[in-house]
Amino acid sequence: DVYDAITKVTHLDSANDDQSQEKGSGNILNRFIDLISGIFQPI
């Protein structure tokens, strides 16, 4: 509900999920953890 409220008071929405300009930033470990968490979080 809070997430929905934020998307309504800003221009952020699901289209920006993990598609940001910092996609290739961070060290390899952080990027790997982000990859795994991004795949498993929704389920």
All heavy atoms as atom14 arrays in JSON, in Angstrom:
{
  "sequence": "DVYDAITKVTHLDSANDDQSQEKGSGNILNRFIDLISGIFQPI",
  "atom14_mask": [
    [1, 1, 1, 1, 1, 1, 1, 1, 0, 0, 0, 0, 0, 0],
    [1, 1, 1, 1, 1, 1, 1, 0, 0, 0, 0, 0, 0, 0],
    [1, 1, 1, 1, 1, 1, 1, 1, 1, 1, 1, 1, 0, 0],
    [1, 1, 1, 1, 1, 1, 1, 1, 0, 0, 0, 0, 0, 0],
    [1, 1, 1, 1, 1, 0, 0, 0, 0, 0, 0, 0, 0, 0],
    [1, 1, 1, 1, 1, 1, 1, 1, 0, 0, 0, 0, 0, 0],
    [1, 1, 1, 1, 1, 1, 1, 0, 0, 0, 0, 0, 0, 0],
    [1, 1, 1, 1, 1, 1, 1, 1, 1, 0, 0, 0, 0, 0],
    [1, 1, 1, 1, 1, 1, 1, 0, 0, 0, 0, 0, 0, 0],
    [1, 1, 1, 1, 1, 1, 1, 0, 0, 0, 0, 0, 0, 0],
    [1, 1, 1, 1, 1, 1, 1, 1, 1, 1, 0, 0, 0, 0],
    [1, 1, 1, 1, 1, 1, 1, 1, 0, 0, 0, 0, 0, 0],
    [1, 1, 1, 1, 1, 1, 1, 1, 0, 0, 0, 0, 0, 0],
    [1, 1, 1, 1, 1, 1, 0, 0, 0, 0, 0, 0, 0, 0],
    [1, 1, 1, 1, 1, 0, 0, 0, 0, 0, 0, 0, 0, 0],
    [1, 1, 1, 1, 1, 1, 1, 1, 0, 0, 0, 0, 0, 0],
    [1, 1, 1, 1, 1, 1, 1, 1, 0, 0, 0, 0, 0, 0],
    [1, 1, 1, 1, 1, 1, 1, 1, 0, 0, 0, 0, 0, 0],
    [1, 1, 1, 1, 1, 1, 1, 1, 1, 0, 0, 0, 0, 0],
    [1, 1, 1, 1, 1, 1, 0, 0, 0, 0, 0, 0, 0, 0],
    [1, 1, 1, 1, 1, 1, 1, 1, 1, 0, 0, 0, 0, 0],
    [1, 1, 1, 1, 1, 1, 1, 1, 1, 0, 0, 0, 0, 0],
    [1, 1, 1, 1, 1, 1, 1, 1, 1, 0, 0, 0, 0, 0],
    [1, 1, 1, 1, 0, 0, 0, 0, 0, 0, 0, 0, 0, 0],
    [1, 1, 1, 1, 1, 1, 0, 0, 0, 0, 0, 0, 0, 0],
    [1, 1, 1, 1, 0, 0, 0, 0, 0, 0, 0, 0, 0, 0],
    [1, 1, 1, 1, 1, 1, 1, 1, 0, 0, 0, 0, 0, 0],
    [1, 1, 1, 1, 1, 1, 1, 1, 0, 0, 0, 0, 0, 0],
    [1, 1, 1, 1, 1, 1, 1, 1, 0, 0, 0, 0, 0, 0],
    [1, 1, 1, 1, 1, 1, 1, 1, 0, 0, 0, 0, 0, 0],
    [1, 1, 1, 1, 1, 1, 1, 1, 1, 1, 1, 0, 0, 0],
    [1, 1, 1, 1, 1, 1, 1, 1, 1, 1, 1, 0, 0, 0],
    [1, 1, 1, 1, 1, 1, 1, 1, 0, 0, 0, 0, 0, 0],
    [1, 1, 1, 1, 1, 1, 1, 1, 0, 0, 0, 0, 0, 0],
    [1, 1, 1, 1, 1, 1, 1, 1, 0, 0, 0, 0, 0, 0],
    [1, 1, 1, 1, 1, 1, 1, 1, 0, 0, 0, 0, 0, 0],
    [1, 1, 1, 1, 1, 1, 0, 0, 0, 0, 0, 0, 0, 0],
    [1, 1, 1, 1, 0, 0, 0, 0, 0, 0, 0, 0, 0, 0],
    [1, 1, 1, 1, 1, 1, 1, 1, 0, 0, 0, 0, 0, 0],
    [1, 1, 1, 1, 1, 1, 1, 1, 1, 1, 1, 0, 0, 0],
    [1, 1, 1, 1, 1, 1, 1, 1, 1, 0, 0, 0, 0, 0],
    [1, 1, 1, 1, 1, 1, 1, 0, 0, 0, 0, 0, 0, 0],
    [1, 1, 1, 1, 1, 1, 1, 1, 0, 0, 0, 0, 0, 0]
  ],
  "atom14_positions": [
    [[0.83, -1.21, 0.0], [0.0, 0.0, 0.0], [0.87, 1.26, 0.0], [0.56, 2.24, -0.68], [-0.93, 0.01, 1.22], [-1.9, -1.15, 1.21], [-2.34, -1.53, 0.11], [-2.22, -1.68, 2.29], [0.0, 0.0, 0.0], [0.0, 0.0, 0.0], [0.0, 0.0, 0.0], [0.0, 0.0, 0.0], [0.0, 0.0, 0.0], [0.0, 0.0, 0.0]],
    [[1.96, 1.22, 0.78], [2.87, 2.36, 0.82], [3.56, 2.52, -0.53], [3.74, 3.64, -1.03], [3.91, 2.19, 1.95], [4.87, 3.38, 1.98], [3.22, 2.04, 3.29], [0.0, 0.0, 0.0], [0.0, 0.0, 0.0], [0.0, 0.0, 0.0], [0.0, 0.0, 0.0], [0.0, 0.0, 0.0], [0.0, 0.0, 0.0], [0.0, 0.0, 0.0]],
    [[3.95, 1.39, -1.13], [4.58, 1.43, -2.46], [3.64, 2.06, -3.49], [4.06, 2.91, -4.28], [4.95, 0.01, -2.87], [5.47, -0.11, -4.29], [6.81, 0.12, -4.58], [4.62, -0.46, -5.34], [7.29, 0.02, -5.89], [5.08, -0.57, -6.64], [6.41, -0.33, -6.91], [6.87, -0.44, -8.2], [0.0, 0.0, 0.0], [0.0, 0.0, 0.0]],
    [[2.37, 1.64, -3.45], [1.39, 2.22, -4.38], [1.23, 3.71, -4.16], [1.08, 4.49, -5.12], [0.04, 1.52, -4.21], [0.04, 0.09, -4.72], [0.94, -0.25, -5.53], [-0.83, -0.71, -4.31], [0.0, 0.0, 0.0], [0.0, 0.0, 0.0], [0.0, 0.0, 0.0], [0.0, 0.0, 0.0], [0.0, 0.0, 0.0], [0.0, 0.0, 0.0]],
    [[1.25, 4.12, -2.88], [1.11, 5.54, -2.57], [2.3, 6.33, -3.11], [2.14, 7.45, -3.63], [1.0, 5.73, -1.06], [0.0, 0.0, 0.0], [0.0, 0.0, 0.0], [0.0, 0.0, 0.0], [0.0, 0.0, 0.0], [0.0, 0.0, 0.0], [0.0, 0.0, 0.0], [0.0, 0.0, 0.0], [0.0, 0.0, 0.0], [0.0, 0.0, 0.0]],
    [[3.5, 5.76, -3.02], [4.69, 6.44, -3.52], [4.62, 6.6, -5.04], [4.96, 7.65, -5.59], [5.97, 5.68, -3.11], [6.18, 5.8, -1.6], [7.19, 6.22, -3.85], [7.38, 5.03, -1.08], [0.0, 0.0, 0.0], [0.0, 0.0, 0.0], [0.0, 0.0, 0.0], [0.0, 0.0, 0.0], [0.0, 0.0, 0.0], [0.0, 0.0, 0.0]],
    [[4.17, 5.55, -5.73], [4.08, 5.63, -7.2], [3.05, 6.66, -7.64], [3.13, 7.18, -8.76], [3.74, 4.26, -7.8], [2.46, 3.81, -7.3], [4.81, 3.23, -7.47], [0.0, 0.0, 0.0], [0.0, 0.0, 0.0], [0.0, 0.0, 0.0], [0.0, 0.0, 0.0], [0.0, 0.0, 0.0], [0.0, 0.0, 0.0], [0.0, 0.0, 0.0]],
    [[2.07, 6.95, -6.77], [1.03, 7.92, -7.12], [1.46, 9.35, -6.85], [0.97, 10.28, -7.49], [-0.26, 7.6, -6.37], [-0.94, 6.32, -6.88], [-2.18, 5.98, -6.07], [-2.82, 4.7, -6.61], [-4.0, 4.29, -5.81], [0.0, 0.0, 0.0], [0.0, 0.0, 0.0], [0.0, 0.0, 0.0], [0.0, 0.0, 0.0], [0.0, 0.0, 0.0]],
    [[2.37, 9.53, -5.87], [2.81, 10.9, -5.57], [4.11, 11.23, -6.29], [4.63, 12.34, -6.16], [3.0, 11.1, -4.04], [1.69, 10.88, -3.32], [4.1, 10.2, -3.5], [0.0, 0.0, 0.0], [0.0, 0.0, 0.0], [0.0, 0.0, 0.0], [0.0, 0.0, 0.0], [0.0, 0.0, 0.0], [0.0, 0.0, 0.0], [0.0, 0.0, 0.0]],
    [[4.64, 10.27, -7.05], [5.86, 10.5, -7.85], [5.63, 9.97, -9.26], [4.53, 9.52, -9.59], [7.06, 9.75, -7.23], [6.84, 8.33, -7.31], [7.26, 10.15, -5.77], [0.0, 0.0, 0.0], [0.0, 0.0, 0.0], [0.0, 0.0, 0.0], [0.0, 0.0, 0.0], [0.0, 0.0, 0.0], [0.0, 0.0, 0.0], [0.0, 0.0, 0.0]],
    [[6.67, 10.01, -10.05], [6.61, 9.44, -11.39], [7.26, 8.07, -11.44], [7.55, 7.55, -12.52], [7.3, 10.38, -12.39], [6.62, 11.7, -12.56], [6.95, 12.81, -11.82], [5.59, 12.07, -13.37], [6.17, 13.82, -12.17], [5.34, 13.4, -13.1], [0.0, 0.0, 0.0], [0.0, 0.0, 0.0], [0.0, 0.0, 0.0], [0.0, 0.0, 0.0]],
    [[7.51, 7.48, -10.27], [8.09, 6.15, -10.2], [6.99, 5.12, -10.39], [5.9, 5.26, -9.86], [8.77, 5.92, -8.84], [9.89, 6.89, -8.48], [10.3, 6.69, -7.03], [11.08, 6.68, -9.39], [0.0, 0.0, 0.0], [0.0, 0.0, 0.0], [0.0, 0.0, 0.0], [0.0, 0.0, 0.0], [0.0, 0.0, 0.0], [0.0, 0.0, 0.0]],
    [[7.28, 4.06, -11.13], [6.32, 2.97, -11.27], [7.09, 1.7, -11.59], [8.31, 1.66, -11.59], [5.27, 3.27, -12.35], [5.9, 3.61, -13.69], [6.94, 3.03, -14.03], [5.33, 4.45, -14.4], [0.0, 0.0, 0.0], [0.0, 0.0, 0.0], [0.0, 0.0, 0.0], [0.0, 0.0, 0.0], [0.0, 0.0, 0.0], [0.0, 0.0, 0.0]],
    [[6.36, 0.62, -11.88], [6.99, -0.68, -12.11], [7.89, -0.69, -13.33], [8.72, -1.57, -13.5], [5.92, -1.77, -12.26], [5.05, -1.47, -13.33], [0.0, 0.0, 0.0], [0.0, 0.0, 0.0], [0.0, 0.0, 0.0], [0.0, 0.0, 0.0], [0.0, 0.0, 0.0], [0.0, 0.0, 0.0], [0.0, 0.0, 0.0], [0.0, 0.0, 0.0]],
    [[7.72, 0.31, -14.21], [8.55, 0.34, -15.42], [10.0, 0.62, -15.11], [10.88, 0.34, -15.91], [8.02, 1.4, -16.38], [0.0, 0.0, 0.0], [0.0, 0.0, 0.0], [0.0, 0.0, 0.0], [0.0, 0.0, 0.0], [0.0, 0.0, 0.0], [0.0, 0.0, 0.0], [0.0, 0.0, 0.0], [0.0, 0.0, 0.0], [0.0, 0.0, 0.0]],
    [[10.27, 1.18, -13.88], [11.66, 1.5, -13.57], [12.33, 0.39, -12.76], [13.49, 0.52, -12.39], [11.74, 2.83, -12.79], [11.2, 2.71, -11.36], [10.79, 1.65, -10.92], [11.21, 3.81, -10.64], [0.0, 0.0, 0.0], [0.0, 0.0, 0.0], [0.0, 0.0, 0.0], [0.0, 0.0, 0.0], [0.0, 0.0, 0.0], [0.0, 0.0, 0.0]],
    [[11.62, -0.69, -12.47], [12.16, -1.75, -11.63], [13.41, -2.33, -12.26], [13.36, -2.98, -13.3], [11.14, -2.89, -11.44], [9.99, -2.45, -10.57], [10.03, -1.31, -10.08], [9.04, -3.24, -10.42], [0.0, 0.0, 0.0], [0.0, 0.0, 0.0], [0.0, 0.0, 0.0], [0.0, 0.0, 0.0], [0.0, 0.0, 0.0], [0.0, 0.0, 0.0]],
    [[14.53, -2.1, -11.58], [15.81, -2.7, -11.98], [16.2, -2.37, -13.41], [16.96, -3.09, -14.04], [15.77, -4.22, -11.79], [15.55, -4.59, -10.35], [16.32, -4.13, -9.5], [14.6, -5.34, -10.07], [0.0, 0.0, 0.0], [0.0, 0.0, 0.0], [0.0, 0.0, 0.0], [0.0, 0.0, 0.0], [0.0, 0.0, 0.0], [0.0, 0.0, 0.0]],
    [[15.67, -1.29, -13.96], [16.04, -0.88, -15.3], [16.77, 0.46, -15.25], [16.79, 1.2, -16.23], [14.78, -0.75, -16.18], [13.96, -2.01, -16.26], [14.69, -3.12, -16.97], [15.46, -2.87, -17.88], [14.48, -4.35, -16.54], [0.0, 0.0, 0.0], [0.0, 0.0, 0.0], [0.0, 0.0, 0.0], [0.0, 0.0, 0.0], [0.0, 0.0, 0.0]],
    [[17.31, 0.8, -14.11], [17.9, 2.11, -13.9], [19.25, 2.24, -14.58], [19.87, 1.28, -15.01], [18.07, 2.38, -12.4], [19.03, 1.48, -11.88], [0.0, 0.0, 0.0], [0.0, 0.0, 0.0], [0.0, 0.0, 0.0], [0.0, 0.0, 0.0], [0.0, 0.0, 0.0], [0.0, 0.0, 0.0], [0.0, 0.0, 0.0], [0.0, 0.0, 0.0]],
    [[19.75, 3.48, -14.58], [21.01, 3.76, -15.23], [22.17, 3.2, -14.44], [23.3, 3.16, -14.95], [21.16, 5.28, -15.39], [21.08, 6.02, -14.07], [21.01, 7.52, -14.28], [21.19, 8.02, -15.38], [20.74, 8.25, -13.23], [0.0, 0.0, 0.0], [0.0, 0.0, 0.0], [0.0, 0.0, 0.0], [0.0, 0.0, 0.0], [0.0, 0.0, 0.0]],
    [[21.98, 2.79, -13.18], [23.06, 2.22, -12.4], [23.08, 0.71, -12.51], [23.68, 0.02, -11.71], [22.9, 2.62, -10.92], [21.66, 2.05, -10.28], [21.77, 2.0, -8.77], [22.78, 2.46, -8.21], [20.86, 1.49, -8.15], [0.0, 0.0, 0.0], [0.0, 0.0, 0.0], [0.0, 0.0, 0.0], [0.0, 0.0, 0.0], [0.0, 0.0, 0.0]],
    [[22.46, 0.2, -13.54], [22.31, -1.24, -13.71], [23.64, -1.97, -13.61], [23.72, -3.06, -13.09], [21.65, -1.51, -15.06], [21.13, -2.91, -15.22], [20.3, -2.99, -16.48], [19.68, -4.38, -16.64], [18.84, -4.47, -17.82], [0.0, 0.0, 0.0], [0.0, 0.0, 0.0], [0.0, 0.0, 0.0], [0.0, 0.0, 0.0], [0.0, 0.0, 0.0]],
    [[24.71, -1.39, -14.13], [25.99, -2.09, -14.11], [26.9, -1.63, -13.0], [28.09, -1.95, -13.03], [0.0, 0.0, 0.0], [0.0, 0.0, 0.0], [0.0, 0.0, 0.0], [0.0, 0.0, 0.0], [0.0, 0.0, 0.0], [0.0, 0.0, 0.0], [0.0, 0.0, 0.0], [0.0, 0.0, 0.0], [0.0, 0.0, 0.0], [0.0, 0.0, 0.0]],
    [[26.39, -0.88, -12.01], [27.23, -0.36, -10.96], [27.36, -1.34, -9.82], [26.63, -2.31, -9.72], [26.66, 0.97, -10.45], [25.42, 0.75, -9.82], [0.0, 0.0, 0.0], [0.0, 0.0, 0.0], [0.0, 0.0, 0.0], [0.0, 0.0, 0.0], [0.0, 0.0, 0.0], [0.0, 0.0, 0.0], [0.0, 0.0, 0.0], [0.0, 0.0, 0.0]],
    [[28.3, -1.04, -8.91], [28.51, -1.9, -7.76], [29.51, -3.01, -8.08], [29.78, -3.31, -9.23], [0.0, 0.0, 0.0], [0.0, 0.0, 0.0], [0.0, 0.0, 0.0], [0.0, 0.0, 0.0], [0.0, 0.0, 0.0], [0.0, 0.0, 0.0], [0.0, 0.0, 0.0], [0.0, 0.0, 0.0], [0.0, 0.0, 0.0], [0.0, 0.0, 0.0]],
    [[30.05, -3.6, -7.0], [31.0, -4.69, -7.24], [30.27, -5.96, -7.66], [29.05, -6.04, -7.62], [31.86, -4.92, -5.98], [31.01, -5.32, -4.77], [30.14, -6.17, -4.87], [31.27, -4.7, -3.64], [0.0, 0.0, 0.0], [0.0, 0.0, 0.0], [0.0, 0.0, 0.0], [0.0, 0.0, 0.0], [0.0, 0.0, 0.0], [0.0, 0.0, 0.0]],
    [[31.04, -6.95, -8.04], [30.46, -8.18, -8.6], [29.56, -8.87, -7.59], [28.48, -9.36, -7.94], [31.58, -9.12, -9.06], [32.33, -8.5, -10.25], [31.02, -10.47, -9.47], [33.5, -9.31, -10.74], [0.0, 0.0, 0.0], [0.0, 0.0, 0.0], [0.0, 0.0, 0.0], [0.0, 0.0, 0.0], [0.0, 0.0, 0.0], [0.0, 0.0, 0.0]],
    [[29.99, -8.92, -6.31], [29.19, -9.59, -5.29], [27.84, -8.91, -5.11], [26.8, -9.57, -5.06], [29.95, -9.6, -3.96], [29.21, -10.24, -2.77], [28.87, -11.69, -3.08], [30.03, -10.13, -1.5], [0.0, 0.0, 0.0], [0.0, 0.0, 0.0], [0.0, 0.0, 0.0], [0.0, 0.0, 0.0], [0.0, 0.0, 0.0], [0.0, 0.0, 0.0]],
    [[27.83, -7.58, -5.02], [26.58, -6.85, -4.85], [25.65, -7.04, -6.04], [24.44, -7.19, -5.89], [26.85, -5.35, -4.65], [27.36, -5.04, -3.26], [27.25, -5.86, -2.35], [27.94, -3.86, -3.09], [0.0, 0.0, 0.0], [0.0, 0.0, 0.0], [0.0, 0.0, 0.0], [0.0, 0.0, 0.0], [0.0, 0.0, 0.0], [0.0, 0.0, 0.0]],
    [[26.24, -7.05, -7.23], [25.42, -7.24, -8.43], [24.85, -8.65, -8.49], [23.72, -8.86, -8.93], [26.26, -6.94, -9.67], [26.54, -5.45, -9.84], [27.74, -5.16, -10.71], [27.58, -5.68, -12.05], [28.54, -5.63, -12.97], [29.72, -5.11, -12.67], [28.33, -6.1, -14.18], [0.0, 0.0, 0.0], [0.0, 0.0, 0.0], [0.0, 0.0, 0.0]],
    [[25.64, -9.64, -8.02], [25.15, -11.01, -8.0], [24.01, -11.16, -6.99], [22.98, -11.78, -7.29], [26.29, -11.97, -7.64], [25.87, -13.4, -7.49], [25.59, -14.18, -8.61], [25.74, -13.98, -6.24], [25.19, -15.5, -8.48], [25.34, -15.29, -6.09], [25.07, -16.06, -7.22], [0.0, 0.0, 0.0], [0.0, 0.0, 0.0], [0.0, 0.0, 0.0]],
    [[24.18, -10.59, -5.8], [23.13, -10.65, -4.78], [21.88, -9.95, -5.27], [20.75, -10.42, -5.07], [23.63, -10.01, -3.46], [24.76, -10.86, -2.85], [22.48, -9.88, -2.46], [25.4, -10.24, -1.64], [0.0, 0.0, 0.0], [0.0, 0.0, 0.0], [0.0, 0.0, 0.0], [0.0, 0.0, 0.0], [0.0, 0.0, 0.0], [0.0, 0.0, 0.0]],
    [[22.05, -8.81, -5.93], [20.91, -8.07, -6.47], [20.2, -8.9, -7.53], [18.96, -8.91, -7.59], [21.4, -6.76, -7.07], [20.28, -6.0, -7.76], [19.36, -5.53, -7.05], [20.31, -5.88, -8.99], [0.0, 0.0, 0.0], [0.0, 0.0, 0.0], [0.0, 0.0, 0.0], [0.0, 0.0, 0.0], [0.0, 0.0, 0.0], [0.0, 0.0, 0.0]],
    [[20.96, -9.62, -8.34], [20.37, -10.46, -9.38], [19.52, -11.57, -8.77], [18.36, -11.77, -9.15], [21.48, -11.06, -10.25], [21.05, -12.1, -11.29], [20.16, -11.43, -12.34], [22.27, -12.73, -11.94], [0.0, 0.0, 0.0], [0.0, 0.0, 0.0], [0.0, 0.0, 0.0], [0.0, 0.0, 0.0], [0.0, 0.0, 0.0], [0.0, 0.0, 0.0]],
    [[20.1, -12.29, -7.81], [19.38, -13.4, -7.18], [18.15, -12.91, -6.42], [17.06, -13.48, -6.54], [20.31, -14.17, -6.22], [21.5, -14.76, -6.99], [19.55, -15.28, -5.51], [21.12, -15.71, -8.1], [0.0, 0.0, 0.0], [0.0, 0.0, 0.0], [0.0, 0.0, 0.0], [0.0, 0.0, 0.0], [0.0, 0.0, 0.0], [0.0, 0.0, 0.0]],
    [[18.31, -11.83, -5.64], [17.17, -11.32, -4.87], [16.08, -10.8, -5.79], [14.89, -10.97, -5.51], [17.63, -10.2, -3.92], [18.14, -9.09, -4.65], [0.0, 0.0, 0.0], [0.0, 0.0, 0.0], [0.0, 0.0, 0.0], [0.0, 0.0, 0.0], [0.0, 0.0, 0.0], [0.0, 0.0, 0.0], [0.0, 0.0, 0.0], [0.0, 0.0, 0.0]],
    [[16.46, -10.19, -6.91], [15.47, -9.68, -7.85], [14.64, -10.78, -8.49], [13.48, -10.58, -8.82], [0.0, 0.0, 0.0], [0.0, 0.0, 0.0], [0.0, 0.0, 0.0], [0.0, 0.0, 0.0], [0.0, 0.0, 0.0], [0.0, 0.0, 0.0], [0.0, 0.0, 0.0], [0.0, 0.0, 0.0], [0.0, 0.0, 0.0], [0.0, 0.0, 0.0]],
    [[15.24, -11.96, -8.66], [14.53, -13.09, -9.27], [13.62, -13.77, -8.25], [12.49, -14.17, -8.57], [15.53, -14.09, -9.87], [16.24, -13.48, -11.07], [14.83, -15.39, -10.28], [17.35, -14.34, -11.66], [0.0, 0.0, 0.0], [0.0, 0.0, 0.0], [0.0, 0.0, 0.0], [0.0, 0.0, 0.0], [0.0, 0.0, 0.0], [0.0, 0.0, 0.0]],
    [[14.09, -13.91, -7.01], [13.34, -14.68, -6.02], [12.36, -13.86, -5.19], [11.38, -14.41, -4.67], [14.31, -15.41, -5.08], [14.89, -16.66, -5.67], [16.09, -16.63, -6.36], [14.24, -17.88, -5.55], [16.63, -17.77, -6.92], [14.76, -19.03, -6.11], [15.97, -18.97, -6.8], [0.0, 0.0, 0.0], [0.0, 0.0, 0.0], [0.0, 0.0, 0.0]],
    [[12.59, -12.57, -5.04], [11.71, -11.75, -4.2], [10.23, -11.84, -4.56], [9.38, -11.98, -3.67], [12.15, -10.28, -4.25], [13.3, -9.95, -3.33], [13.77, -8.53, -3.52], [13.05, -7.69, -4.06], [14.98, -8.24, -3.08], [0.0, 0.0, 0.0], [0.0, 0.0, 0.0], [0.0, 0.0, 0.0], [0.0, 0.0, 0.0], [0.0, 0.0, 0.0]],
    [[9.87, -11.75, -5.84], [8.43, -11.74, -6.16], [7.67, -12.99, -5.75], [6.45, -12.95, -5.62], [8.43, -11.58, -7.7], [9.74, -10.96, -8.02], [10.7, -11.54, -7.05], [0.0, 0.0, 0.0], [0.0, 0.0, 0.0], [0.0, 0.0, 0.0], [0.0, 0.0, 0.0], [0.0, 0.0, 0.0], [0.0, 0.0, 0.0], [0.0, 0.0, 0.0]],
    [[8.38, -14.12, -5.57], [7.67, -15.36, -5.25], [7.88, -15.82, -3.81], [7.46, -16.93, -3.45], [8.07, -16.5, -6.21], [9.59, -16.72, -6.17], [7.61, -16.22, -7.62], [10.03, -17.9, -7.02], [0.0, 0.0, 0.0], [0.0, 0.0, 0.0], [0.0, 0.0, 0.0], [0.0, 0.0, 0.0], [0.0, 0.0, 0.0], [0.0, 0.0, 0.0]]
  ]
}
